[in-house]
Protein backbone atom coordinates (compact mmCIF):
# COMPACT_ATOMS: atom_id res chain seq x y z
CA UNK A 1 0.00 0.00 0.00
CA UNK A 2 1.40 3.39 -1.03
CA UNK A 3 2.29 5.84 1.73
CA UNK A 4 0.93 9.34 0.98
CA UNK A 5 3.67 11.89 0.38
CA UNK A 6 3.87 14.46 3.19
CA UNK A 7 3.02 18.12 2.63
CA UNK A 8 5.60 20.77 3.44
CA UNK A 9 4.75 24.31 4.47
CA UNK A 10 7.30 27.12 4.12
CA UNK A 11 6.90 30.08 6.45
CA UNK A 12 7.63 33.75 5.73
CA UNK A 13 11.03 35.34 6.01
CA UNK A 14 14.30 35.69 4.17
CA UNK A 15 14.61 33.16 1.37
CA UNK A 16 10.97 32.09 1.48
CA UNK A 17 10.34 32.77 -2.24
CA UNK A 18 13.34 30.70 -3.30
CA UNK A 19 12.44 27.92 -0.87
CA UNK A 20 8.83 27.79 -2.09
CA UNK A 21 9.99 27.78 -5.70
CA UNK A 22 12.33 24.86 -5.01
CA UNK A 23 9.58 22.99 -3.18
CA UNK A 24 7.13 23.55 -6.05
CA UNK A 25 9.62 22.24 -8.60
CA UNK A 26 10.45 19.29 -6.35
CA UNK A 27 6.76 18.41 -6.07
CA UNK A 28 6.41 18.48 -9.86
CA UNK A 29 9.52 16.33 -10.22
CA UNK A 30 8.14 13.76 -7.77
CA UNK A 31 4.80 13.60 -9.60
CA UNK A 32 6.31 13.34 -13.07
CA UNK A 33 8.76 10.59 -12.09
CA UNK A 34 6.42 8.63 -9.83
CA UNK A 35 8.71 9.40 -6.91
CA UNK A 36 11.88 8.23 -8.67
CA UNK A 37 14.07 11.14 -7.70
CA UNK A 38 17.00 12.09 -9.92
CA UNK A 39 20.16 13.16 -8.11
CA UNK A 40 21.11 15.87 -10.68
CA UNK A 41 17.67 17.42 -10.15
CA UNK A 42 18.12 17.34 -6.37
CA UNK A 43 21.51 19.06 -6.71
CA UNK A 44 20.02 21.76 -8.95
CA UNK A 45 17.17 22.38 -6.52
CA UNK A 46 19.62 22.58 -3.63
CA UNK A 47 21.49 25.34 -5.48
CA UNK A 48 18.20 27.21 -5.81
CA UNK A 49 17.75 27.26 -2.03
CA UNK A 50 19.28 30.00 0.15
CA UNK A 51 22.89 29.22 1.07
CA UNK A 52 22.21 29.79 4.77
CA UNK A 53 19.32 28.70 7.01
CA UNK A 54 15.94 28.26 5.37
CA UNK A 55 12.79 29.99 6.57
CA UNK A 56 10.57 27.98 8.89
CA UNK A 57 9.65 24.59 7.37
CA UNK A 58 6.85 22.48 8.82
CA UNK A 59 6.22 18.94 7.57
CA UNK A 60 2.64 17.65 7.66
CA UNK A 61 3.35 13.92 7.67
CA UNK A 62 -0.29 12.89 8.05
CA UNK A 63 -3.49 14.46 9.36
CA UNK A 64 -2.68 15.68 12.86
CA UNK A 65 0.99 14.72 12.60
CA UNK A 66 3.18 17.80 12.11
CA UNK A 67 6.92 18.21 12.65
CA UNK A 68 8.90 21.46 12.79
CA UNK A 69 12.23 21.09 10.97
CA UNK A 70 15.42 22.88 11.98
CA UNK A 71 15.83 25.63 9.32
CA UNK A 72 19.61 25.29 9.49
CA UNK A 73 19.61 21.49 9.38
CA UNK A 74 20.15 19.02 6.56
CA UNK A 75 16.75 17.40 7.13
CA UNK A 76 14.90 20.60 6.17
CA UNK A 77 16.91 21.05 2.96
CA UNK A 78 16.62 17.39 1.98
CA UNK A 79 12.88 17.44 2.60
CA UNK A 80 12.31 20.52 0.47
CA UNK A 81 14.36 19.45 -2.56
CA UNK A 82 12.75 15.99 -2.63
CA UNK A 83 9.24 17.10 -1.60
CA UNK A 84 9.49 14.73 1.34
CA UNK A 85 12.48 13.18 3.05
CA UNK A 86 13.59 9.83 1.54
CA UNK A 87 10.02 8.97 0.63
CA UNK A 88 10.94 5.94 -1.45
CA UNK A 89 12.81 4.57 1.55
CA UNK A 90 9.82 5.23 3.84
CA UNK A 91 7.60 3.25 1.46
CA UNK A 92 10.11 0.39 1.30
CA UNK A 93 10.03 -0.20 5.05
CA UNK A 94 6.33 0.58 5.45
CA UNK A 95 5.48 -1.99 2.77
CA UNK A 96 7.15 -4.66 4.91
CA UNK A 97 5.30 -3.90 8.16
CA UNK A 98 2.30 -6.17 8.69
CA UNK A 99 -0.30 -6.00 11.48
CA UNK A 100 1.33 -6.98 14.75
CA UNK A 101 4.83 -6.50 13.33
CA UNK A 102 7.64 -4.27 14.51
CA UNK A 103 9.71 -1.65 12.69
CA UNK A 104 13.07 -0.77 14.25
CA UNK A 105 14.21 2.77 13.44
CA UNK A 106 17.88 2.80 14.46
CA UNK A 107 19.13 6.37 14.25
CA UNK A 108 15.65 7.85 14.47
CA UNK A 109 16.72 11.49 14.85
CA UNK A 110 13.55 13.58 15.36
CA UNK A 111 11.27 10.83 14.07
CA UNK A 112 10.51 11.27 10.37
CA UNK A 113 10.58 7.53 9.54
CA UNK A 114 9.16 6.65 12.97
CA UNK A 115 6.09 8.85 12.61
CA UNK A 116 5.47 8.06 8.95
CA UNK A 117 5.48 4.31 9.58
CA UNK A 118 3.67 4.47 12.93
CA UNK A 119 0.90 6.63 11.44
CA UNK A 120 0.42 4.79 8.17
CA UNK A 121 0.87 1.33 9.69
CA UNK A 122 -1.11 1.80 12.93
CA UNK A 123 -1.53 -1.95 13.46
CA UNK A 124 2.24 -2.28 13.75
CA UNK A 125 4.70 -0.98 16.34
CA UNK A 126 7.85 1.15 16.07
CA UNK A 127 10.94 1.24 18.28
CA UNK A 128 12.90 4.45 17.71
CA UNK A 129 16.55 4.35 18.83
CA UNK A 130 18.16 7.76 19.43
CA UNK A 131 21.11 8.24 21.80
CA UNK A 132 21.64 12.01 21.87
CA UNK A 133 19.62 13.45 24.78
CA UNK A 134 18.49 16.68 23.10
CA UNK A 135 17.51 14.90 19.88
CA UNK A 136 15.75 12.13 21.81
CA UNK A 137 13.79 14.81 23.68
CA UNK A 138 12.60 16.28 20.37
CA UNK A 139 11.78 12.80 19.10
CA UNK A 140 9.73 11.97 22.19
CA UNK A 141 7.92 15.34 22.02
CA UNK A 142 7.03 14.75 18.35
CA UNK A 143 5.69 11.29 19.20
CA UNK A 144 3.59 12.71 22.07
CA UNK A 145 2.15 15.50 19.90
CA UNK A 146 1.25 12.96 17.24
CA UNK A 147 -0.52 10.78 19.81
CA UNK A 148 1.27 7.67 18.61
CA UNK A 149 0.86 5.05 21.32
CA UNK A 150 2.49 2.44 19.04
CA UNK A 151 5.94 4.06 19.32
CA UNK A 152 8.57 3.29 21.93
CA UNK A 153 11.53 5.67 22.17
CA UNK A 154 14.78 3.90 23.11
CA UNK A 155 17.20 6.52 24.47
CA UNK A 156 20.34 4.66 23.53
CA UNK A 157 22.58 3.87 20.61
CA UNK A 158 22.44 0.39 19.13
CA UNK A 159 25.73 -1.43 18.67
CA UNK A 160 27.46 -4.80 18.70
CA UNK A 161 27.66 -4.91 22.51
CA UNK A 162 26.08 -2.90 25.30
CA UNK A 163 27.86 -0.25 27.36
CA UNK A 164 28.58 3.42 26.73
CA UNK A 165 30.01 5.45 23.86
CA UNK A 166 31.04 9.05 23.28
CA UNK A 167 29.34 10.89 20.44
CA UNK A 168 30.70 14.03 18.84
CA UNK A 169 28.14 16.82 18.98
CA UNK A 170 27.59 18.77 15.79
CA UNK A 171 25.61 21.88 14.94
CA UNK A 172 23.33 19.68 12.86
CA UNK A 173 22.36 16.71 15.04
CA UNK A 174 21.54 14.66 11.95
CA UNK A 175 25.27 14.10 11.61
CA UNK A 176 26.33 13.28 15.17
CA UNK A 177 28.72 10.32 15.23
CA UNK A 178 30.91 8.21 17.48
CA UNK A 179 33.69 10.42 18.82
CA UNK A 180 37.14 9.79 17.39
CA UNK A 181 38.81 12.88 18.78
CA UNK A 182 38.11 16.58 18.42
CA UNK A 183 34.92 18.54 19.06
CA UNK A 184 32.55 18.46 22.01
CA UNK A 185 31.19 15.04 22.88
CA UNK A 186 28.47 13.48 25.00
CA UNK A 187 28.51 10.02 26.59
CA UNK A 188 25.43 7.95 25.75
CA UNK A 189 24.27 4.46 26.66
CA UNK A 190 24.67 1.69 24.10
CA UNK A 191 22.39 -1.33 23.83
CA UNK A 192 21.93 -4.00 21.18
CA UNK A 193 18.88 -4.75 19.10
CA UNK A 194 18.98 -8.35 20.32
CA UNK A 195 19.06 -7.28 23.99
CA UNK A 196 16.04 -4.98 23.60
CA UNK A 197 14.23 -7.68 21.64
CA UNK A 198 14.93 -10.31 24.29
CA UNK A 199 13.68 -8.03 27.08
CA UNK A 200 10.45 -7.38 25.18
CA UNK A 201 9.66 -11.08 24.69
CA UNK A 202 10.98 -11.42 21.13
CA UNK A 203 8.17 -9.81 19.10
CA UNK A 204 8.13 -10.30 15.33
CA UNK A 205 10.33 -7.78 13.52
CA UNK A 206 9.28 -6.96 9.96
CA UNK A 207 11.65 -4.13 8.99
CA UNK A 208 14.79 -2.39 10.24
CA UNK A 209 16.24 0.96 9.18
CA UNK A 210 19.86 1.68 10.15
CA UNK A 211 21.29 5.17 9.66
CA UNK A 212 24.04 5.76 12.22
CA UNK A 213 26.81 7.64 10.41
CA UNK A 214 29.16 4.75 9.70
CA UNK A 215 28.40 2.33 12.54
CA UNK A 216 25.87 0.31 10.56
CA UNK A 217 27.86 -2.98 10.59
CA UNK A 218 28.07 -2.84 14.40
CA UNK A 219 24.29 -2.37 14.68
CA UNK A 220 23.68 -5.35 12.40
CA UNK A 221 26.06 -7.60 14.35
CA UNK A 222 24.08 -6.72 17.48
CA UNK A 223 20.86 -7.77 15.73
CA UNK A 224 22.03 -11.23 14.65
CA UNK A 225 19.35 -13.19 16.52
CA UNK A 226 16.55 -10.97 15.18
CA UNK A 227 17.80 -11.30 11.61
CA UNK A 228 18.24 -15.06 11.85
CA UNK A 229 14.75 -15.66 13.19
CA UNK A 230 12.54 -13.06 11.49
CA UNK A 231 14.48 -12.15 8.31
CA UNK A 232 13.20 -8.55 8.30
CA UNK A 233 13.63 -6.22 5.36
CA UNK A 234 16.68 -4.01 5.96
CA UNK A 235 17.20 -0.42 4.84
CA UNK A 236 20.82 0.58 5.52
CA UNK A 237 22.70 3.78 4.81
CA UNK A 238 25.69 2.87 2.61
CA UNK A 239 27.36 6.03 1.26
CA UNK A 240 29.83 4.50 -1.15
CA UNK A 241 31.34 1.21 -2.25
CA UNK A 242 33.35 0.71 0.96
CA UNK A 243 30.22 1.10 3.09
CA UNK A 244 28.31 -1.36 0.90
CA UNK A 245 31.14 -3.89 1.19
CA UNK A 246 31.30 -3.53 4.98
CA UNK A 247 27.56 -4.15 5.34
CA UNK A 248 27.57 -7.04 2.87
CA UNK A 249 30.44 -8.66 4.79
CA UNK A 250 28.04 -8.95 7.74
CA UNK A 251 24.84 -9.78 5.89
CA UNK A 252 25.87 -12.07 3.03
CA UNK A 253 26.84 -15.03 5.29
CA UNK A 254 23.42 -14.68 6.91
CA UNK A 255 21.60 -15.09 3.59
CA UNK A 256 20.84 -11.43 2.82
CA UNK A 257 21.26 -9.91 -0.63
CA UNK A 258 21.15 -6.31 -1.80
CA UNK A 259 18.05 -5.61 -3.90
CA UNK A 260 17.21 -2.84 -6.33
CA UNK A 261 14.10 -0.76 -5.74
CA UNK A 262 13.01 2.24 -7.76
CA UNK A 263 12.95 5.50 -5.85
CA UNK A 264 15.78 4.87 -3.40
CA UNK A 265 18.61 7.38 -3.15
CA UNK A 266 22.06 6.05 -4.12
CA UNK A 267 23.44 6.22 -0.58
CA UNK A 268 20.81 3.82 0.78
CA UNK A 269 20.64 0.06 0.24
CA UNK A 270 17.76 -2.37 0.60
CA UNK A 271 18.55 -5.92 1.72
CA UNK A 272 16.23 -8.92 1.74
CA UNK A 273 16.74 -12.45 3.00
CA UNK A 274 17.36 -14.82 0.11
CA UNK A 275 18.26 -17.98 2.02
CA UNK A 276 21.54 -19.56 3.03
CA UNK A 277 21.43 -22.57 0.77
């Protein structure tokens, strides 16, 4: 079942005319291509936007489900130039979620995927993993405002083993990452997907999204039992050949294969279980 594309509203202020023009062109592009976004078009629309912060951008994800986007953040720009953030990816995971099933949003940020799937698949459940305290607060507030009782916010990173990890804070929290020296950092708890799943009684997992700025293989290793039992559809950020190879090194022995799907951006990969025979 198709997920309706969200509606974006651009507020007044400096750059509003350019931002609205880019959004209008992006909406036409999405309609004409059936949602199959073209990267050269996205780059051209990004050049049309103001170089600095955008005016206020509000995303209407569904009736009664609205999210304010950070005007200076990457999520606002990406949402405007594509007339909806990674909508092909949202549809890919939502298509996999059946009644009673679970979607794991690992690297949930402020909850775009979480709220889209929770709203349009209300018979399913979503666990949203977000370690950064300020971002997790915004995520939880967005979930409360949307009235989504089928969402659980997990205030922790997901990794290969539990414990703690330092994350480098950035101006744009969409790009926070494990600290490797330099810049302010915050210590956050780390859990594993398997540990959370065990504690919850091992519910059926239908889909998993992993977008954690380079730590995707670690997350997948910590979800081995889930993947072996339920074979969920996996949407994984893989920005480049090295990232694809690192993820495939984990998933291929477990019977997963990378699959093509129209509408996905080139830095995301869809994996499905194909069997180990």
